Amino acid sequence: MSADVWVGSWRPHRPRGPIAALYSSPGPKYALPTNVGYPLHDPSRYRAPAYSFGIRRPQELVGCSPGPGYLIPTNMTMRGKDGIPAFSIYGRPRDVMSFMTPGPGRYSPEKAKNLAYPSAPNYSLASRTKNFDYDQSPGPAAYGLPPMLGPKVIGKSTAPNYSIFGRSMIGSFYEDLSKTPGPCNYRLVDPSVYKNRPPHFSMLARNMPPGDNTLKPGPGAYSPEKVRTSGTRRPLARTQSDPISPLVILIEL
């Protein structure tokens, strides 16, 4: 094919993207919104809540080497730790319990019964439970014939009965309809409140006059046996140690 067939500089080439003229339907011209994700979600569809994860915070750049402040032990060499072997003394560990597998004699297949061998169905007869709601029908002794005395006789004619009630405060002859207080319900007022107050005197206790507190001789202080009753009146002989009795003085006079 010669170059004269083509007019202009346009030449056939593969399109870079989809072109609507290449499709009979609308094709990629119409794009439905997505139902996945949070942005550009279809507004006519339910969208679940979405939460974002924060980014990693930048870490501070620190030195990876220990620096000059790093203290190397004196017994550490380039080939490892130098020194004699050292051992620590610990307590004796407990013995590990081995798995105790039962032997053939520990099994009792004869006790399996219907668990291992086919058997007929069996049912146990248990006692009645406490919460069992059974029919509580009354027994023969729960029924009783009605009495033949009193006003509650069924199917029989009874005499008229009258009941005696207590005296009622309502409607009786001594009912206080006016609610007026009686004479004893008033408080007596002292006449000195609204009249001239009379003089008042107080009654004190009786005052006793002062008594005689002088010491007087008693009957044992007299000595009548020392008195002489003779015709001659002469002074009685007495010593200075003898006390002078008033009776002796009277006789001497």
C-alpha atoms as a PDB file:
ATOM      1  CA  MET A   1       0.000   0.000   0.000  1.00  0.00           C
ATOM      2  CA  SER A   2       1.390   3.318  -1.023  1.00  0.00           C
ATOM      3  CA  ALA A   3       1.382   6.453   1.031  1.00  0.00           C
ATOM      4  CA  ASP A   4      -1.051   8.195  -1.296  1.00  0.00           C
ATOM      5  CA  VAL A   5      -4.052   6.353   0.147  1.00  0.00           C
ATOM      6  CA  TRP A   6      -3.906   8.166   3.486  1.00  0.00           C
ATOM      7  CA  VAL A   7      -4.904  11.753   3.685  1.00  0.00           C
ATOM      8  CA  GLY A   8      -3.329  13.853   6.304  1.00  0.00           C
ATOM      9  CA  SER A   9      -1.066  12.822   9.156  1.00  0.00           C
ATOM     10  CA  TRP A  10      -3.583  10.529  10.918  1.00  0.00           C
ATOM     11  CA  ARG A  11      -2.858   6.841  10.810  1.00  0.00           C
ATOM     12  CA  PRO A  12      -4.838   3.911  12.387  1.00  0.00           C
ATOM     13  CA  HIS A  13      -3.625   2.993  15.961  1.00  0.00           C
ATOM     14  CA  ARG A  14      -4.808   1.114  19.046  1.00  0.00           C
ATOM     15  CA  PRO A  15      -6.903   3.342  21.361  1.00  0.00           C
ATOM     16  CA  ARG A  16      -5.412   4.095  24.701  1.00  0.00           C
ATOM     17  CA  GLY A  17      -8.702   3.488  26.549  1.00  0.00           C
ATOM     18  CA  PRO A  18     -12.188   2.100  25.939  1.00  0.00           C
ATOM     19  CA  ILE A  19     -14.207   4.090  23.441  1.00  0.00           C
ATOM     20  CA  ALA A  20     -18.008   4.118  23.478  1.00  0.00           C
ATOM     21  CA  ALA A  21     -18.131   3.696  19.697  1.00  0.00           C
ATOM     22  CA  LEU A  22     -16.611   0.229  20.025  1.00  0.00           C
ATOM     23  CA  TYR A  23     -19.569  -1.057  22.143  1.00  0.00           C
ATOM     24  CA  SER A  24     -23.235  -1.483  21.210  1.00  0.00           C
ATOM     25  CA  SER A  25     -24.258  -0.842  24.802  1.00  0.00           C
ATOM     26  CA  PRO A  26     -23.340   2.204  26.892  1.00  0.00           C
ATOM     27  CA  GLY A  27     -20.383   0.162  28.155  1.00  0.00           C
ATOM     28  CA  PRO A  28     -17.819   1.856  30.346  1.00  0.00           C
ATOM     29  CA  LYS A  29     -19.429   5.207  29.856  1.00  0.00           C
ATOM     30  CA  TYR A  30     -21.692   4.581  32.834  1.00  0.00           C
ATOM     31  CA  ALA A  31     -20.080   3.373  36.084  1.00  0.00           C
ATOM     32  CA  LEU A  32     -22.173   2.380  39.115  1.00  0.00           C
ATOM     33  CA  PRO A  33     -20.899   3.483  42.518  1.00  0.00           C
ATOM     34  CA  THR A  34     -19.179   0.821  44.557  1.00  0.00           C
ATOM     35  CA  ASN A  35     -20.708  -0.956  47.560  1.00  0.00           C
ATOM     36  CA  VAL A  36     -17.341  -1.672  49.115  1.00  0.00           C
ATOM     37  CA  GLY A  37     -15.389   0.797  51.160  1.00  0.00           C
ATOM     38  CA  TYR A  38     -16.245   4.086  52.752  1.00  0.00           C
ATOM     39  CA  PRO A  39     -15.458   6.768  50.120  1.00  0.00           C
ATOM     40  CA  LEU A  40     -17.631   7.020  46.941  1.00  0.00           C
ATOM     41  CA  HIS A  41     -20.085   4.500  48.374  1.00  0.00           C
ATOM     42  CA  ASP A  42     -23.479   3.947  46.786  1.00  0.00           C
ATOM     43  CA  PRO A  43     -25.889   6.258  48.651  1.00  0.00           C
ATOM     44  CA  SER A  44     -28.813   3.914  47.999  1.00  0.00           C
ATOM     45  CA  ARG A  45     -27.087   1.060  49.855  1.00  0.00           C
ATOM     46  CA  TYR A  46     -26.441   0.541  53.535  1.00  0.00           C
ATOM     47  CA  ARG A  47     -22.935   1.552  54.553  1.00  0.00           C
ATOM     48  CA  ALA A  48     -21.401   0.079  57.708  1.00  0.00           C
ATOM     49  CA  PRO A  49     -19.373   2.310  60.023  1.00  0.00           C
ATOM     50  CA  ALA A  50     -15.698   2.520  59.194  1.00  0.00           C
ATOM     51  CA  TYR A  51     -12.817   3.339  61.498  1.00  0.00           C
ATOM     52  CA  SER A  52      -9.366   4.418  60.444  1.00  0.00           C
ATOM     53  CA  PHE A  53      -6.136   3.154  61.944  1.00  0.00           C
ATOM     54  CA  GLY A  54      -3.642   5.736  63.018  1.00  0.00           C
ATOM     55  CA  ILE A  55      -0.221   5.842  61.441  1.00  0.00           C
ATOM     56  CA  ARG A  56       2.845   4.721  63.301  1.00  0.00           C
ATOM     57  CA  ARG A  57       4.419   7.522  65.239  1.00  0.00           C
ATOM     58  CA  PRO A  58       7.995   8.291  64.258  1.00  0.00           C
ATOM     59  CA  GLN A  59      10.508   6.980  66.727  1.00  0.00           C
ATOM     60  CA  GLU A  60      13.347   9.059  67.956  1.00  0.00           C
ATOM     61  CA  LEU A  61      16.670   8.141  66.526  1.00  0.00           C
ATOM     62  CA  VAL A  62      18.814   6.916  69.363  1.00  0.00           C
ATOM     63  CA  GLY A  63      22.310   5.602  69.258  1.00  0.00           C
ATOM     64  CA  CYS A  64      22.631   1.862  68.774  1.00  0.00           C
ATOM     65  CA  SER A  65      25.992   1.656  70.449  1.00  0.00           C
ATOM     66  CA  PRO A  66      26.347   1.654  74.231  1.00  0.00           C
ATOM     67  CA  GLY A  67      28.682   4.642  74.072  1.00  0.00           C
ATOM     68  CA  PRO A  68      31.536   5.463  76.387  1.00  0.00           C
ATOM     69  CA  GLY A  69      29.364   5.019  79.450  1.00  0.00           C
ATOM     70  CA  TYR A  70      29.057   1.287  78.882  1.00  0.00           C
ATOM     71  CA  LEU A  71      30.872  -0.667  81.590  1.00  0.00           C
ATOM     72  CA  ILE A  72      32.393  -3.938  80.423  1.00  0.00           C
ATOM     73  CA  PRO A  73      33.023  -6.487  83.182  1.00  0.00           C
ATOM     74  CA  THR A  74      36.681  -7.199  83.839  1.00  0.00           C
ATOM     75  CA  ASN A  75      36.255 -10.947  83.384  1.00  0.00           C
ATOM     76  CA  MET A  76      34.713 -10.611  79.913  1.00  0.00           C
ATOM     77  CA  THR A  77      37.085 -11.354  77.059  1.00  0.00           C
ATOM     78  CA  MET A  78      36.731 -11.616  73.316  1.00  0.00           C
ATOM     79  CA  ARG A  79      36.290 -15.386  73.666  1.00  0.00           C
ATOM     80  CA  GLY A  80      33.704 -15.245  76.422  1.00  0.00           C
ATOM     81  CA  LYS A  81      33.615 -15.014  80.157  1.00  0.00           C
ATOM     82  CA  ASP A  82      36.859 -15.770  81.897  1.00  0.00           C
ATOM     83  CA  GLY A  83      37.092 -17.506  85.250  1.00  0.00           C
ATOM     84  CA  ILE A  84      36.558 -20.815  87.000  1.00  0.00           C
ATOM     85  CA  PRO A  85      33.172 -22.521  86.718  1.00  0.00           C
ATOM     86  CA  ALA A  86      30.689 -21.440  89.398  1.00  0.00           C
ATOM     87  CA  PHE A  87      27.617 -23.308  90.457  1.00  0.00           C
ATOM     88  CA  SER A  88      24.690 -22.286  92.613  1.00  0.00           C
ATOM     89  CA  ILE A  89      23.033 -24.540  95.187  1.00  0.00           C
ATOM     90  CA  TYR A  90      19.308 -24.931  94.710  1.00  0.00           C
ATOM     91  CA  GLY A  91      16.768 -27.099  96.429  1.00  0.00           C
ATOM     92  CA  ARG A  92      16.068 -30.566  95.186  1.00  0.00           C
ATOM     93  CA  PRO A  93      13.353 -30.428  92.554  1.00  0.00           C
ATOM     94  CA  ARG A  94      10.274 -32.519  92.957  1.00  0.00           C
ATOM     95  CA  ASP A  95      10.113 -35.799  91.162  1.00  0.00           C
ATOM     96  CA  VAL A  96       8.095 -35.627  88.015  1.00  0.00           C
ATOM     97  CA  MET A  97       5.005 -37.751  88.344  1.00  0.00           C
ATOM     98  CA  SER A  98       4.977 -40.205  85.531  1.00  0.00           C
ATOM     99  CA  PHE A  99       1.770 -40.997  83.723  1.00  0.00           C
ATOM    100  CA  MET A 100       0.043 -43.726  85.693  1.00  0.00           C
ATOM    101  CA  THR A 101      -1.510 -45.872  83.014  1.00  0.00           C
ATOM    102  CA  PRO A 102      -3.935 -48.437  84.442  1.00  0.00           C
ATOM    103  CA  GLY A 103      -3.078 -52.050  83.773  1.00  0.00           C
ATOM    104  CA  PRO A 104      -5.326 -54.768  82.379  1.00  0.00           C
ATOM    105  CA  GLY A 105      -6.504 -55.779  85.852  1.00  0.00           C
ATOM    106  CA  ARG A 106      -7.886 -52.339  86.598  1.00  0.00           C
ATOM    107  CA  TYR A 107     -10.698 -52.626  84.080  1.00  0.00           C
ATOM    108  CA  SER A 108     -14.065 -54.209  84.936  1.00  0.00           C
ATOM    109  CA  PRO A 109     -15.968 -54.808  81.715  1.00  0.00           C
ATOM    110  CA  GLU A 110     -18.585 -56.862  83.540  1.00  0.00           C
ATOM    111  CA  LYS A 111     -19.839 -53.674  85.239  1.00  0.00           C
ATOM    112  CA  ALA A 112     -20.544 -51.952  81.950  1.00  0.00           C
ATOM    113  CA  LYS A 113     -23.865 -53.790  81.520  1.00  0.00           C
ATOM    114  CA  ASN A 114     -26.040 -51.972  79.031  1.00  0.00           C
ATOM    115  CA  LEU A 115     -23.291 -49.480  78.175  1.00  0.00           C
ATOM    116  CA  ALA A 116     -21.305 -52.143  76.349  1.00  0.00           C
ATOM    117  CA  TYR A 117     -23.825 -54.956  75.861  1.00  0.00           C
ATOM    118  CA  PRO A 118     -27.303 -54.826  74.337  1.00  0.00           C
ATOM    119  CA  SER A 119     -30.073 -54.973  76.929  1.00  0.00           C
ATOM    120  CA  ALA A 120     -33.792 -54.353  77.245  1.00  0.00           C
ATOM    121  CA  PRO A 121     -35.013 -50.935  78.356  1.00  0.00           C
ATOM    122  CA  ASN A 122     -35.391 -50.569  82.120  1.00  0.00           C
ATOM    123  CA  TYR A 123     -37.014 -47.846  84.190  1.00  0.00           C
ATOM    124  CA  SER A 124     -36.525 -46.867  87.815  1.00  0.00           C
ATOM    125  CA  LEU A 125     -39.372 -46.156  90.215  1.00  0.00           C
ATOM    126  CA  ALA A 126     -38.492 -42.950  92.044  1.00  0.00           C
ATOM    127  CA  SER A 127     -40.315 -41.252  94.876  1.00  0.00           C
ATOM    128  CA  ARG A 128     -42.751 -38.417  94.266  1.00  0.00           C
ATOM    129  CA  THR A 129     -41.064 -35.050  94.071  1.00  0.00           C
ATOM    130  CA  LYS A 130     -41.991 -32.208  96.432  1.00  0.00           C
ATOM    131  CA  ASN A 131     -42.929 -29.828  93.651  1.00  0.00           C
ATOM    132  CA  PHE A 132     -45.261 -32.308  91.956  1.00  0.00           C
ATOM    133  CA  ASP A 133     -48.680 -30.685  91.580  1.00  0.00           C
ATOM    134  CA  TYR A 134     -51.093 -33.527  92.159  1.00  0.00           C
ATOM    135  CA  ASP A 135     -54.815 -33.401  92.773  1.00  0.00           C
ATOM    136  CA  GLN A 136     -55.403 -32.690  96.458  1.00  0.00           C
ATOM    137  CA  SER A 137     -58.871 -34.143  96.815  1.00  0.00           C
ATOM    138  CA  PRO A 138     -60.405 -34.051 100.319  1.00  0.00           C
ATOM    139  CA  GLY A 139     -60.919 -37.323 102.105  1.00  0.00           C
ATOM    140  CA  PRO A 140     -64.172 -38.712 103.563  1.00  0.00           C
ATOM    141  CA  ALA A 141     -63.512 -37.101 106.951  1.00  0.00           C
ATOM    142  CA  ALA A 142     -63.305 -33.644 105.365  1.00  0.00           C
ATOM    143  CA  TYR A 143     -67.051 -33.559 104.723  1.00  0.00           C
ATOM    144  CA  GLY A 144     -69.497 -32.663 107.504  1.00  0.00           C
ATOM    145  CA  LEU A 145     -73.270 -32.333 107.819  1.00  0.00           C
ATOM    146  CA  PRO A 146     -74.625 -28.863 108.549  1.00  0.00           C
ATOM    147  CA  PRO A 147     -75.730 -28.215 112.148  1.00  0.00           C
ATOM    148  CA  MET A 148     -79.421 -28.320 113.140  1.00  0.00           C
ATOM    149  CA  LEU A 149     -79.090 -25.498 115.688  1.00  0.00           C
ATOM    150  CA  GLY A 150     -78.793 -21.839 114.888  1.00  0.00           C
ATOM    151  CA  PRO A 151     -79.912 -19.640 112.024  1.00  0.00           C
ATOM    152  CA  LYS A 152     -77.714 -21.357 109.419  1.00  0.00           C
ATOM    153  CA  VAL A 153     -79.730 -24.546 109.018  1.00  0.00           C
ATOM    154  CA  ILE A 154     -80.072 -25.629 105.403  1.00  0.00           C
ATOM    155  CA  GLY A 155     -83.507 -26.847 104.275  1.00  0.00           C
ATOM    156  CA  LYS A 156     -85.156 -26.362 107.697  1.00  0.00           C
ATOM    157  CA  SER A 157     -87.251 -23.550 109.129  1.00  0.00           C
ATOM    158  CA  THR A 158     -85.663 -21.755 112.038  1.00  0.00           C
ATOM    159  CA  ALA A 159     -86.965 -19.380 114.675  1.00  0.00           C
ATOM    160  CA  PRO A 160     -86.096 -15.682 114.415  1.00  0.00           C
ATOM    161  CA  ASN A 161     -82.734 -14.758 115.912  1.00  0.00           C
ATOM    162  CA  TYR A 162     -81.720 -11.432 117.342  1.00  0.00           C
ATOM    163  CA  SER A 163     -78.262 -10.251 118.160  1.00  0.00           C
ATOM    164  CA  ILE A 164     -77.388  -7.857 120.990  1.00  0.00           C
ATOM    165  CA  PHE A 165     -74.935  -5.211 119.957  1.00  0.00           C
ATOM    166  CA  GLY A 166     -73.100  -2.725 122.096  1.00  0.00           C
ATOM    167  CA  ARG A 167     -74.258   0.830 122.662  1.00  0.00           C
ATOM    168  CA  SER A 168     -73.405   3.089 119.766  1.00  0.00           C
ATOM    169  CA  MET A 169     -72.369   6.721 120.075  1.00  0.00           C
ATOM    170  CA  ILE A 170     -74.122   7.609 116.839  1.00  0.00           C
ATOM    171  CA  GLY A 171     -77.843   8.275 117.111  1.00  0.00           C
ATOM    172  CA  SER A 172     -78.045   7.751 120.896  1.00  0.00           C
ATOM    173  CA  PHE A 173     -79.639  10.166 123.317  1.00  0.00           C
ATOM    174  CA  TYR A 174     -76.314  11.301 124.788  1.00  0.00           C
ATOM    175  CA  GLU A 175     -74.642  12.004 121.457  1.00  0.00           C
ATOM    176  CA  ASP A 176     -73.025  15.445 121.533  1.00  0.00           C
ATOM    177  CA  LEU A 177     -74.230  16.997 118.318  1.00  0.00           C
ATOM    178  CA  SER A 178     -73.190  20.574 119.156  1.00  0.00           C
ATOM    179  CA  LYS A 179     -69.676  19.607 120.237  1.00  0.00           C
ATOM    180  CA  THR A 180     -69.816  22.139 123.090  1.00  0.00           C
ATOM    181  CA  PRO A 181     -67.241  21.839 125.884  1.00  0.00           C
ATOM    182  CA  GLY A 182     -68.584  21.222 129.407  1.00  0.00           C
ATOM    183  CA  PRO A 183     -67.969  23.250 132.585  1.00  0.00           C
ATOM    184  CA  CYS A 184     -64.985  21.172 133.572  1.00  0.00           C
ATOM    185  CA  ASN A 185     -63.315  21.802 130.258  1.00  0.00           C
ATOM    186  CA  TYR A 186     -62.606  25.478 131.057  1.00  0.00           C
ATOM    187  CA  ARG A 187     -59.479  26.556 132.896  1.00  0.00           C
ATOM    188  CA  LEU A 188     -59.892  28.612 136.079  1.00  0.00           C
ATOM    189  CA  VAL A 189     -58.160  31.997 135.868  1.00  0.00           C
ATOM    190  CA  ASP A 190     -56.488  33.454 138.933  1.00  0.00           C
ATOM    191  CA  PRO A 191     -58.473  36.543 140.147  1.00  0.00           C
ATOM    192  CA  SER A 192     -55.241  38.460 140.688  1.00  0.00           C
ATOM    193  CA  VAL A 193     -54.828  38.562 136.905  1.00  0.00           C
ATOM    194  CA  TYR A 194     -57.821  40.823 136.258  1.00  0.00           C
ATOM    195  CA  LYS A 195     -58.323  42.256 139.819  1.00  0.00           C
ATOM    196  CA  ASN A 196     -56.179  43.935 142.480  1.00  0.00           C
ATOM    197  CA  ARG A 197     -53.643  41.520 143.783  1.00  0.00           C
ATOM    198  CA  PRO A 198     -53.886  41.008 147.580  1.00  0.00           C
ATOM    199  CA  PRO A 199     -50.766  40.914 149.755  1.00  0.00           C
ATOM    200  CA  HIS A 200     -48.975  37.595 149.950  1.00  0.00           C
ATOM    201  CA  PHE A 201     -47.068  36.253 152.922  1.00  0.00           C
ATOM    202  CA  SER A 202     -44.802  33.307 153.080  1.00  0.00           C
ATOM    203  CA  MET A 203     -44.801  30.860 155.995  1.00  0.00           C
ATOM    204  CA  LEU A 204     -41.313  30.105 157.217  1.00  0.00           C
ATOM    205  CA  ALA A 205     -40.120  27.450 159.619  1.00  0.00           C
ATOM    206  CA  ARG A 206     -40.205  27.998 163.417  1.00  0.00           C
ATOM    207  CA  ASN A 207     -37.088  29.643 164.894  1.00  0.00           C
ATOM    208  CA  MET A 208     -35.924  28.069 168.174  1.00  0.00           C
ATOM    209  CA  PRO A 209     -34.582  30.485 170.896  1.00  0.00           C
ATOM    210  CA  PRO A 210     -30.946  30.085 171.889  1.00  0.00           C
ATOM    211  CA  GLY A 211     -30.475  27.706 174.851  1.00  0.00           C
ATOM    212  CA  ASP A 212     -28.201  27.776 177.937  1.00  0.00           C
ATOM    213  CA  ASN A 213     -24.964  26.036 177.069  1.00  0.00           C
ATOM    214  CA  THR A 214     -23.258  26.465 180.497  1.00  0.00           C
ATOM    215  CA  LEU A 215     -21.914  23.317 182.178  1.00  0.00           C
ATOM    216  CA  LYS A 216     -23.908  22.362 185.258  1.00  0.00           C
ATOM    217  CA  PRO A 217     -22.935  19.666 187.788  1.00  0.00           C
ATOM    218  CA  GLY A 218     -24.845  16.454 187.597  1.00  0.00           C
ATOM    219  CA  PRO A 219     -26.084  14.182 190.408  1.00  0.00           C
ATOM    220  CA  GLY A 220     -22.782  12.360 190.560  1.00  0.00           C
ATOM    221  CA  ALA A 221     -20.919  15.559 191.352  1.00  0.00           C
ATOM    222  CA  TYR A 222     -22.524  15.869 194.828  1.00  0.00           C
ATOM    223  CA  SER A 223     -21.255  14.015 197.984  1.00  0.00           C
ATOM    224  CA  PRO A 224     -24.042  14.000 200.607  1.00  0.00           C
ATOM    225  CA  GLU A 225     -22.215  11.410 202.737  1.00  0.00           C
ATOM    226  CA  LYS A 226     -19.683  14.044 203.786  1.00  0.00           C
ATOM    227  CA  VAL A 227     -22.340  16.241 205.430  1.00  0.00           C
ATOM    228  CA  ARG A 228     -22.588  16.081 209.328  1.00  0.00           C
ATOM    229  CA  THR A 229     -26.004  16.666 210.847  1.00  0.00           C
ATOM    230  CA  SER A 230     -25.271  17.491 214.623  1.00  0.00           C
ATOM    231  CA  GLY A 231     -26.491  20.078 217.131  1.00  0.00           C
ATOM    232  CA  THR A 232     -23.296  22.074 217.210  1.00  0.00           C
ATOM    233  CA  ARG A 233     -22.589  24.193 214.281  1.00  0.00           C
ATOM    234  CA  ARG A 234     -18.937  24.119 213.659  1.00  0.00           C
ATOM    235  CA  PRO A 235     -17.051  24.323 210.479  1.00  0.00           C
ATOM    236  CA  LEU A 236     -16.419  21.099 208.756  1.00  0.00           C
ATOM    237  CA  ALA A 237     -12.895  19.937 208.428  1.00  0.00           C
ATOM    238  CA  ARG A 238     -11.855  19.612 204.822  1.00  0.00           C
ATOM    239  CA  THR A 239      -8.681  19.502 203.016  1.00  0.00           C
ATOM    240  CA  GLN A 240      -7.533  21.548 200.129  1.00  0.00           C
ATOM    241  CA  SER A 241      -7.896  18.585 197.816  1.00  0.00           C
ATOM    242  CA  ASP A 242     -11.589  18.060 198.586  1.00  0.00           C
ATOM    243  CA  PRO A 243     -13.858  19.934 196.257  1.00  0.00           C
ATOM    244  CA  ILE A 244     -16.286  22.408 197.746  1.00  0.00           C
ATOM    245  CA  SER A 245     -19.781  21.174 197.204  1.00  0.00           C
ATOM    246  CA  PRO A 246     -22.667  23.648 197.058  1.00  0.00           C
ATOM    247  CA  LEU A 247     -24.599  21.464 199.474  1.00  0.00           C
ATOM    248  CA  VAL A 248     -21.800  21.677 202.055  1.00  0.00           C
ATOM    249  CA  ILE A 249     -21.674  25.460 201.714  1.00  0.00           C
ATOM    250  CA  LEU A 250     -25.387  25.690 202.315  1.00  0.00           C
ATOM    251  CA  ILE A 251     -25.230  23.597 205.473  1.00  0.00           C
ATOM    252  CA  GLU A 252     -22.313  25.605 206.901  1.00  0.00           C
ATOM    253  CA  LEU A 253     -24.229  28.812 206.454  1.00  0.00           C
END
